[in-house]
Amino acid sequence: MQAQEKEKSISEVIDMGRYIGPSCRLCRREGLRLFLKGDKCYSAACTLNKKSSPPGKVSKFKKKPTEYATQLREKQKVKRYYGLYERQFRRYFEMATEHKGVTGEILLQLLERRLDSLLHKAGFAPSKKCARQLVLHGHVNVNGKKIDVPSYIVNPGEEITIAEKSKTLDLIVRSIESSQSKVAPPWLEIDSKNLKLKMTGIPARLEMNPEIDIKEQLIVELFSK
C-alpha cells in the first residue's frame, strides 16, 4: 500500500509539470543510467550500483512485456534522458513528421540540437538539468544574443558562447575540467578555452552518440498507432 502511494505521488508530480523527484528513481524505473546527475552517474556512487530494482512494489512473477509496453518504455526513456514534458516530446515528433526523411532520425536530430543538450554535450555543463539552468539564468549567448530558452533549436553555423560575466562560474569551470577526456562529435566545433561552441552541420544518425542506446523506430511505431 505504501509503495502504491509513493508511485501515485510521483505520477502527480509529473502530471503537474516537470519531474522534480529523485533523479535516480527515474534511472531505476528504466533500468539503466540516464546520466541525470552528471559525474555521479559515472562513479561507484551511482544508485544503480547499489539498487537496480524498479521503484515501488516488485512483483514476484516476471511477465514478458507486450509490444506496446516496449514502445512506451523506449519513449519514456528518451523523454527522461532529454528532460522533456510529454507535450514537448509529442511536439518534437510532430515537427519530425513534417520534414522529409526518416522520422526517427529527424526526431533525434531535433533533440540533439536543443541548446541545453549541446551545452551538455560540449562539456560546459555536467548534466542537461544544469545546462537548462544556465540558459534560463541568462548565462548563454547565441550569435552574440542572450537566449534564455533551453529548447532553442540551434542551426548549423550558429555560435554558442558563455556570457563573459559567467565564464568563471564554478559549475562551468568544474564541468570543463571533468570533460577533457570526452571526444567531441564531428559536427561540433568546441573551444573549451574560450567557452565557444559551433554546430557545423546537421548530424547523421551514425554521428549522433547519445549516452544511451536509443531505438527511435519503437517511438515512431508508438506514435503512429
C-alpha atoms as a PDB file:
ATOM      1  CA  MET A   1       0.000   0.000   0.000  1.00  0.00           C
ATOM      2  CA  GLN A   2       2.805   2.364   0.934  1.00  0.00           C
ATOM      3  CA  ALA A   3       4.636   1.636  -2.335  1.00  0.00           C
ATOM      4  CA  GLN A   4       1.458   2.325  -4.307  1.00  0.00           C
ATOM      5  CA  GLU A   5       1.048   5.677  -2.528  1.00  0.00           C
ATOM      6  CA  LYS A   6       4.626   6.605  -3.447  1.00  0.00           C
ATOM      7  CA  GLU A   7       4.007   5.735  -7.093  1.00  0.00           C
ATOM      8  CA  LYS A   8       0.833   7.837  -7.036  1.00  0.00           C
ATOM      9  CA  SER A   9       2.645  10.839  -5.565  1.00  0.00           C
ATOM     10  CA  ILE A  10       5.323  10.613  -8.261  1.00  0.00           C
ATOM     11  CA  SER A  11       2.757  10.478 -11.054  1.00  0.00           C
ATOM     12  CA  GLU A  12       1.043  13.541  -9.577  1.00  0.00           C
ATOM     13  CA  VAL A  13       4.327  15.450  -9.566  1.00  0.00           C
ATOM     14  CA  ILE A  14       4.936  14.522 -13.207  1.00  0.00           C
ATOM     15  CA  ASP A  15       1.392  15.449 -14.248  1.00  0.00           C
ATOM     16  CA  MET A  16       1.760  18.904 -12.679  1.00  0.00           C
ATOM     17  CA  GLY A  17       4.861  19.632 -14.751  1.00  0.00           C
ATOM     18  CA  ARG A  18       8.496  18.639 -14.998  1.00  0.00           C
ATOM     19  CA  TYR A  19       9.507  15.801 -12.697  1.00  0.00           C
ATOM     20  CA  ILE A  20      11.089  17.213  -9.521  1.00  0.00           C
ATOM     21  CA  GLY A  21      11.557  13.995  -7.559  1.00  0.00           C
ATOM     22  CA  PRO A  22      14.784  11.985  -7.112  1.00  0.00           C
ATOM     23  CA  SER A  23      16.576  11.664 -10.459  1.00  0.00           C
ATOM     24  CA  CYS A  24      17.983   8.259  -9.587  1.00  0.00           C
ATOM     25  CA  ARG A  25      14.446   6.918  -9.230  1.00  0.00           C
ATOM     26  CA  LEU A  26      13.920   7.516 -12.942  1.00  0.00           C
ATOM     27  CA  CYS A  27      17.071   5.554 -13.782  1.00  0.00           C
ATOM     28  CA  ARG A  28      15.868   2.677 -11.631  1.00  0.00           C
ATOM     29  CA  ARG A  29      12.480   2.752 -13.366  1.00  0.00           C
ATOM     30  CA  GLU A  30      14.080   2.500 -16.809  1.00  0.00           C
ATOM     31  CA  GLY A  31      16.707   0.027 -15.644  1.00  0.00           C
ATOM     32  CA  LEU A  32      19.691   1.964 -16.998  1.00  0.00           C
ATOM     33  CA  ARG A  33      21.731   5.100 -16.422  1.00  0.00           C
ATOM     34  CA  LEU A  34      20.092   8.197 -17.887  1.00  0.00           C
ATOM     35  CA  PHE A  35      23.036  10.388 -16.798  1.00  0.00           C
ATOM     36  CA  LEU A  36      20.798  12.857 -14.996  1.00  0.00           C
ATOM     37  CA  LYS A  37      23.252  13.677 -12.197  1.00  0.00           C
ATOM     38  CA  GLY A  38      26.484  14.414 -14.018  1.00  0.00           C
ATOM     39  CA  ASP A  39      29.690  12.852 -12.735  1.00  0.00           C
ATOM     40  CA  LYS A  40      27.886  10.767 -10.103  1.00  0.00           C
ATOM     41  CA  CYS A  41      26.458   8.608 -12.877  1.00  0.00           C
ATOM     42  CA  TYR A  42      29.977   7.621 -13.976  1.00  0.00           C
ATOM     43  CA  SER A  43      31.170   6.802 -10.449  1.00  0.00           C
ATOM     44  CA  ALA A  44      30.727   3.954  -7.994  1.00  0.00           C
ATOM     45  CA  ALA A  45      28.249   6.168  -6.116  1.00  0.00           C
ATOM     46  CA  CYS A  46      25.650   5.650  -8.844  1.00  0.00           C
ATOM     47  CA  THR A  47      22.439   4.384  -7.269  1.00  0.00           C
ATOM     48  CA  LEU A  48      22.110   1.592  -9.845  1.00  0.00           C
ATOM     49  CA  ASN A  49      25.278   0.025  -8.430  1.00  0.00           C
ATOM     50  CA  LYS A  50      23.511  -0.360  -5.091  1.00  0.00           C
ATOM     51  CA  LYS A  51      19.860  -0.792  -6.002  1.00  0.00           C
ATOM     52  CA  SER A  52      18.877  -1.626  -9.551  1.00  0.00           C
ATOM     53  CA  SER A  53      15.326  -2.869  -8.962  1.00  0.00           C
ATOM     54  CA  PRO A  54      12.429  -0.681 -10.182  1.00  0.00           C
ATOM     55  CA  PRO A  55      10.841   1.586  -7.547  1.00  0.00           C
ATOM     56  CA  GLY A  56       7.550   0.598  -5.975  1.00  0.00           C
ATOM     57  CA  LYS A  57       6.120  -2.836  -5.379  1.00  0.00           C
ATOM     58  CA  VAL A  58       8.126  -5.561  -7.107  1.00  0.00           C
ATOM     59  CA  SER A  59       6.122  -8.464  -8.495  1.00  0.00           C
ATOM     60  CA  LYS A  60       7.316 -11.981  -7.791  1.00  0.00           C
ATOM     61  CA  PHE A  61       6.388 -13.013 -11.320  1.00  0.00           C
ATOM     62  CA  LYS A  62       8.127 -11.668 -14.387  1.00  0.00           C
ATOM     63  CA  LYS A  63       5.899 -11.137 -17.389  1.00  0.00           C
ATOM     64  CA  LYS A  64       7.082 -10.747 -20.929  1.00  0.00           C
ATOM     65  CA  PRO A  65       6.403  -7.102 -21.905  1.00  0.00           C
ATOM     66  CA  THR A  66       3.884  -6.518 -24.662  1.00  0.00           C
ATOM     67  CA  GLU A  67       4.802  -4.708 -27.868  1.00  0.00           C
ATOM     68  CA  TYR A  68       3.060  -1.583 -26.610  1.00  0.00           C
ATOM     69  CA  ALA A  69       4.884  -1.731 -23.263  1.00  0.00           C
ATOM     70  CA  THR A  70       8.264  -1.975 -25.017  1.00  0.00           C
ATOM     71  CA  GLN A  71       7.461   1.017 -27.220  1.00  0.00           C
ATOM     72  CA  LEU A  72       6.202   3.033 -24.248  1.00  0.00           C
ATOM     73  CA  ARG A  73       9.303   2.348 -22.187  1.00  0.00           C
ATOM     74  CA  GLU A  74      11.514   3.476 -25.089  1.00  0.00           C
ATOM     75  CA  LYS A  75       9.582   6.739 -25.334  1.00  0.00           C
ATOM     76  CA  GLN A  76       9.746   7.309 -21.585  1.00  0.00           C
ATOM     77  CA  LYS A  77      13.464   6.571 -21.555  1.00  0.00           C
ATOM     78  CA  VAL A  78      14.247   9.116 -24.278  1.00  0.00           C
ATOM     79  CA  LYS A  79      11.866  11.718 -22.847  1.00  0.00           C
ATOM     80  CA  ARG A  80      13.504  11.496 -19.431  1.00  0.00           C
ATOM     81  CA  TYR A  81      17.025  11.487 -20.847  1.00  0.00           C
ATOM     82  CA  TYR A  82      16.401  14.816 -22.595  1.00  0.00           C
ATOM     83  CA  GLY A  83      14.302  16.180 -19.702  1.00  0.00           C
ATOM     84  CA  LEU A  84      11.110  16.888 -21.621  1.00  0.00           C
ATOM     85  CA  TYR A  85       7.428  17.239 -20.821  1.00  0.00           C
ATOM     86  CA  GLU A  86       5.109  14.774 -22.543  1.00  0.00           C
ATOM     87  CA  ARG A  87       3.568  17.587 -24.579  1.00  0.00           C
ATOM     88  CA  GLN A  88       7.013  18.814 -25.623  1.00  0.00           C
ATOM     89  CA  PHE A  89       8.040  15.375 -26.771  1.00  0.00           C
ATOM     90  CA  ARG A  90       4.910  14.961 -28.861  1.00  0.00           C
ATOM     91  CA  ARG A  91       5.512  18.353 -30.457  1.00  0.00           C
ATOM     92  CA  TYR A  92       9.022  17.307 -31.453  1.00  0.00           C
ATOM     93  CA  PHE A  93       7.593  14.164 -33.033  1.00  0.00           C
ATOM     94  CA  GLU A  94       5.045  16.226 -34.974  1.00  0.00           C
ATOM     95  CA  MET A  95       7.860  18.512 -36.164  1.00  0.00           C
ATOM     96  CA  ALA A  96       9.833  15.459 -37.291  1.00  0.00           C
ATOM     97  CA  THR A  97       6.905  14.131 -39.330  1.00  0.00           C
ATOM     98  CA  GLU A  98       6.684  17.439 -41.209  1.00  0.00           C
ATOM     99  CA  HIS A  99      10.239  17.066 -42.571  1.00  0.00           C
ATOM    100  CA  LYS A 100      11.274  14.864 -45.464  1.00  0.00           C
ATOM    101  CA  GLY A 101      13.398  11.919 -44.445  1.00  0.00           C
ATOM    102  CA  VAL A 102      13.428   9.228 -41.760  1.00  0.00           C
ATOM    103  CA  THR A 103      11.131  10.405 -38.977  1.00  0.00           C
ATOM    104  CA  GLY A 104      13.057   8.709 -36.163  1.00  0.00           C
ATOM    105  CA  GLU A 105      16.381  10.161 -37.268  1.00  0.00           C
ATOM    106  CA  ILE A 106      14.922  13.659 -37.651  1.00  0.00           C
ATOM    107  CA  LEU A 107      13.397  13.374 -34.166  1.00  0.00           C
ATOM    108  CA  LEU A 108      16.801  12.626 -32.651  1.00  0.00           C
ATOM    109  CA  GLN A 109      18.395  15.445 -34.648  1.00  0.00           C
ATOM    110  CA  LEU A 110      15.917  17.919 -33.183  1.00  0.00           C
ATOM    111  CA  LEU A 111      16.527  16.661 -29.660  1.00  0.00           C
ATOM    112  CA  GLU A 112      20.305  16.742 -30.052  1.00  0.00           C
ATOM    113  CA  ARG A 113      20.151  20.287 -31.458  1.00  0.00           C
ATOM    114  CA  ARG A 114      18.429  21.683 -28.367  1.00  0.00           C
ATOM    115  CA  LEU A 115      20.543  24.395 -26.744  1.00  0.00           C
ATOM    116  CA  ASP A 116      20.690  22.679 -23.359  1.00  0.00           C
ATOM    117  CA  SER A 117      21.635  19.375 -24.983  1.00  0.00           C
ATOM    118  CA  LEU A 118      24.507  20.956 -26.936  1.00  0.00           C
ATOM    119  CA  LEU A 119      25.879  22.701 -23.840  1.00  0.00           C
ATOM    120  CA  HIS A 120      25.971  19.396 -22.013  1.00  0.00           C
ATOM    121  CA  LYS A 121      27.482  17.585 -24.982  1.00  0.00           C
ATOM    122  CA  ALA A 122      30.210  20.237 -25.240  1.00  0.00           C
ATOM    123  CA  GLY A 123      31.098  19.770 -21.574  1.00  0.00           C
ATOM    124  CA  PHE A 124      30.014  23.250 -20.492  1.00  0.00           C
ATOM    125  CA  ALA A 125      27.541  21.730 -18.001  1.00  0.00           C
ATOM    126  CA  PRO A 126      27.726  18.427 -16.070  1.00  0.00           C
ATOM    127  CA  SER A 127      24.144  17.463 -16.928  1.00  0.00           C
ATOM    128  CA  LYS A 128      21.248  18.587 -19.081  1.00  0.00           C
ATOM    129  CA  LYS A 129      19.467  19.857 -15.994  1.00  0.00           C
ATOM    130  CA  CYS A 130      22.416  22.109 -15.150  1.00  0.00           C
ATOM    131  CA  ALA A 131      22.634  23.230 -18.791  1.00  0.00           C
ATOM    132  CA  ARG A 132      18.950  24.138 -18.663  1.00  0.00           C
ATOM    133  CA  GLN A 133      19.562  26.284 -15.592  1.00  0.00           C
ATOM    134  CA  LEU A 134      22.499  28.063 -17.242  1.00  0.00           C
ATOM    135  CA  VAL A 135      20.282  29.014 -20.172  1.00  0.00           C
ATOM    136  CA  LEU A 136      17.309  30.070 -18.031  1.00  0.00           C
ATOM    137  CA  HIS A 137      19.523  32.316 -15.898  1.00  0.00           C
ATOM    138  CA  GLY A 138      20.901  34.163 -18.916  1.00  0.00           C
ATOM    139  CA  HIS A 139      24.443  32.778 -18.971  1.00  0.00           C
ATOM    140  CA  VAL A 140      24.365  31.703 -22.636  1.00  0.00           C
ATOM    141  CA  ASN A 141      24.505  33.660 -25.901  1.00  0.00           C
ATOM    142  CA  VAL A 142      23.777  32.504 -29.442  1.00  0.00           C
ATOM    143  CA  ASN A 143      25.418  34.627 -32.142  1.00  0.00           C
ATOM    144  CA  GLY A 144      26.093  37.295 -29.505  1.00  0.00           C
ATOM    145  CA  LYS A 145      22.468  37.496 -28.357  1.00  0.00           C
ATOM    146  CA  LYS A 146      21.294  36.224 -24.977  1.00  0.00           C
ATOM    147  CA  ILE A 147      18.988  33.224 -25.315  1.00  0.00           C
ATOM    148  CA  ASP A 148      17.084  32.062 -22.233  1.00  0.00           C
ATOM    149  CA  VAL A 149      15.080  29.274 -23.879  1.00  0.00           C
ATOM    150  CA  PRO A 150      16.642  25.819 -23.273  1.00  0.00           C
ATOM    151  CA  SER A 151      14.572  24.288 -26.100  1.00  0.00           C
ATOM    152  CA  TYR A 152      16.011  26.683 -28.686  1.00  0.00           C
ATOM    153  CA  ILE A 153      16.930  24.641 -31.779  1.00  0.00           C
ATOM    154  CA  VAL A 154      20.430  25.574 -32.913  1.00  0.00           C
ATOM    155  CA  ASN A 155      21.048  25.848 -36.645  1.00  0.00           C
ATOM    156  CA  PRO A 156      24.307  24.996 -38.454  1.00  0.00           C
ATOM    157  CA  GLY A 157      26.768  27.891 -38.343  1.00  0.00           C
ATOM    158  CA  GLU A 158      25.356  29.466 -35.190  1.00  0.00           C
ATOM    159  CA  GLU A 159      27.903  30.142 -32.445  1.00  0.00           C
ATOM    160  CA  ILE A 160      27.106  29.443 -28.817  1.00  0.00           C
ATOM    161  CA  THR A 161      29.136  31.272 -26.179  1.00  0.00           C
ATOM    162  CA  ILE A 162      29.091  31.576 -22.420  1.00  0.00           C
ATOM    163  CA  ALA A 163      28.462  35.181 -21.332  1.00  0.00           C
ATOM    164  CA  GLU A 164      31.660  36.986 -20.322  1.00  0.00           C
ATOM    165  CA  LYS A 165      30.493  37.558 -16.751  1.00  0.00           C
ATOM    166  CA  SER A 166      29.656  33.859 -16.376  1.00  0.00           C
ATOM    167  CA  LYS A 167      32.902  32.266 -17.575  1.00  0.00           C
ATOM    168  CA  THR A 168      34.284  31.927 -14.037  1.00  0.00           C
ATOM    169  CA  LEU A 169      31.264  30.139 -12.579  1.00  0.00           C
ATOM    170  CA  ASP A 170      32.430  27.153 -10.548  1.00  0.00           C
ATOM    171  CA  LEU A 171      29.882  24.855 -12.180  1.00  0.00           C
ATOM    172  CA  ILE A 172      31.201  25.642 -15.663  1.00  0.00           C
ATOM    173  CA  VAL A 173      34.874  25.516 -14.666  1.00  0.00           C
ATOM    174  CA  ARG A 174      34.493  22.136 -12.920  1.00  0.00           C
ATOM    175  CA  SER A 175      32.473  20.737 -15.811  1.00  0.00           C
ATOM    176  CA  ILE A 176      35.132  21.746 -18.350  1.00  0.00           C
ATOM    177  CA  GLU A 177      37.852  20.130 -16.246  1.00  0.00           C
ATOM    178  CA  SER A 178      35.973  16.840 -15.886  1.00  0.00           C
ATOM    179  CA  SER A 179      35.072  16.650 -19.588  1.00  0.00           C
ATOM    180  CA  GLN A 180      38.593  16.944 -21.004  1.00  0.00           C
ATOM    181  CA  SER A 181      38.709  13.247 -21.846  1.00  0.00           C
ATOM    182  CA  LYS A 182      35.419  13.264 -23.775  1.00  0.00           C
ATOM    183  CA  VAL A 183      35.568  13.036 -27.562  1.00  0.00           C
ATOM    184  CA  ALA A 184      33.632  15.764 -29.384  1.00  0.00           C
ATOM    185  CA  PRO A 185      31.263  14.646 -32.166  1.00  0.00           C
ATOM    186  CA  PRO A 186      32.419  15.567 -35.701  1.00  0.00           C
ATOM    187  CA  TRP A 187      29.535  18.002 -36.226  1.00  0.00           C
ATOM    188  CA  LEU A 188      30.571  20.253 -33.341  1.00  0.00           C
ATOM    189  CA  GLU A 189      33.482  22.673 -33.028  1.00  0.00           C
ATOM    190  CA  ILE A 190      34.255  23.135 -29.348  1.00  0.00           C
ATOM    191  CA  ASP A 191      36.612  25.786 -27.974  1.00  0.00           C
ATOM    192  CA  SER A 192      36.791  24.911 -24.277  1.00  0.00           C
ATOM    193  CA  LYS A 193      39.388  27.592 -23.566  1.00  0.00           C
ATOM    194  CA  ASN A 194      37.173  30.442 -24.769  1.00  0.00           C
ATOM    195  CA  LEU A 195      33.918  28.623 -23.951  1.00  0.00           C
ATOM    196  CA  LYS A 196      32.650  28.693 -27.524  1.00  0.00           C
ATOM    197  CA  LEU A 197      30.716  26.111 -29.471  1.00  0.00           C
ATOM    198  CA  LYS A 198      29.591  25.947 -33.093  1.00  0.00           C
ATOM    199  CA  MET A 199      27.439  23.404 -34.873  1.00  0.00           C
ATOM    200  CA  THR A 200      28.983  22.822 -38.297  1.00  0.00           C
ATOM    201  CA  GLY A 201      26.157  20.741 -39.777  1.00  0.00           C
ATOM    202  CA  ILE A 202      23.138  18.544 -39.151  1.00  0.00           C
ATOM    203  CA  PRO A 203      24.362  15.253 -37.691  1.00  0.00           C
ATOM    204  CA  ALA A 204      23.630  11.984 -39.459  1.00  0.00           C
ATOM    205  CA  ARG A 205      22.293   9.098 -37.378  1.00  0.00           C
ATOM    206  CA  LEU A 206      25.680   7.405 -37.101  1.00  0.00           C
ATOM    207  CA  GLU A 207      27.270  10.686 -35.990  1.00  0.00           C
ATOM    208  CA  MET A 208      24.897  11.108 -33.078  1.00  0.00           C
ATOM    209  CA  ASN A 209      26.202   9.419 -29.977  1.00  0.00           C
ATOM    210  CA  PRO A 210      23.805   9.949 -27.063  1.00  0.00           C
ATOM    211  CA  GLU A 211      24.937   8.300 -23.846  1.00  0.00           C
ATOM    212  CA  ILE A 212      22.064   5.825 -24.002  1.00  0.00           C
ATOM    213  CA  ASP A 213      21.112   3.339 -26.698  1.00  0.00           C
ATOM    214  CA  ILE A 214      18.030   4.695 -28.472  1.00  0.00           C
ATOM    215  CA  LYS A 215      15.737   2.617 -30.663  1.00  0.00           C
ATOM    216  CA  GLU A 216      13.876   5.513 -32.242  1.00  0.00           C
ATOM    217  CA  GLN A 217      11.839   3.251 -34.538  1.00  0.00           C
ATOM    218  CA  LEU A 218       9.913   1.982 -31.499  1.00  0.00           C
ATOM    219  CA  ILE A 219       8.866   5.566 -30.716  1.00  0.00           C
ATOM    220  CA  VAL A 220       7.740   6.119 -34.291  1.00  0.00           C
ATOM    221  CA  GLU A 221       5.653   2.944 -34.122  1.00  0.00           C
ATOM    222  CA  LEU A 222       4.119   4.057 -30.818  1.00  0.00           C
ATOM    223  CA  PHE A 223       3.024   7.461 -32.066  1.00  0.00           C
ATOM    224  CA  SER A 224       1.881   6.069 -35.415  1.00  0.00           C
ATOM    225  CA  LYS A 225      -0.856   3.949 -33.835  1.00  0.00           C
END
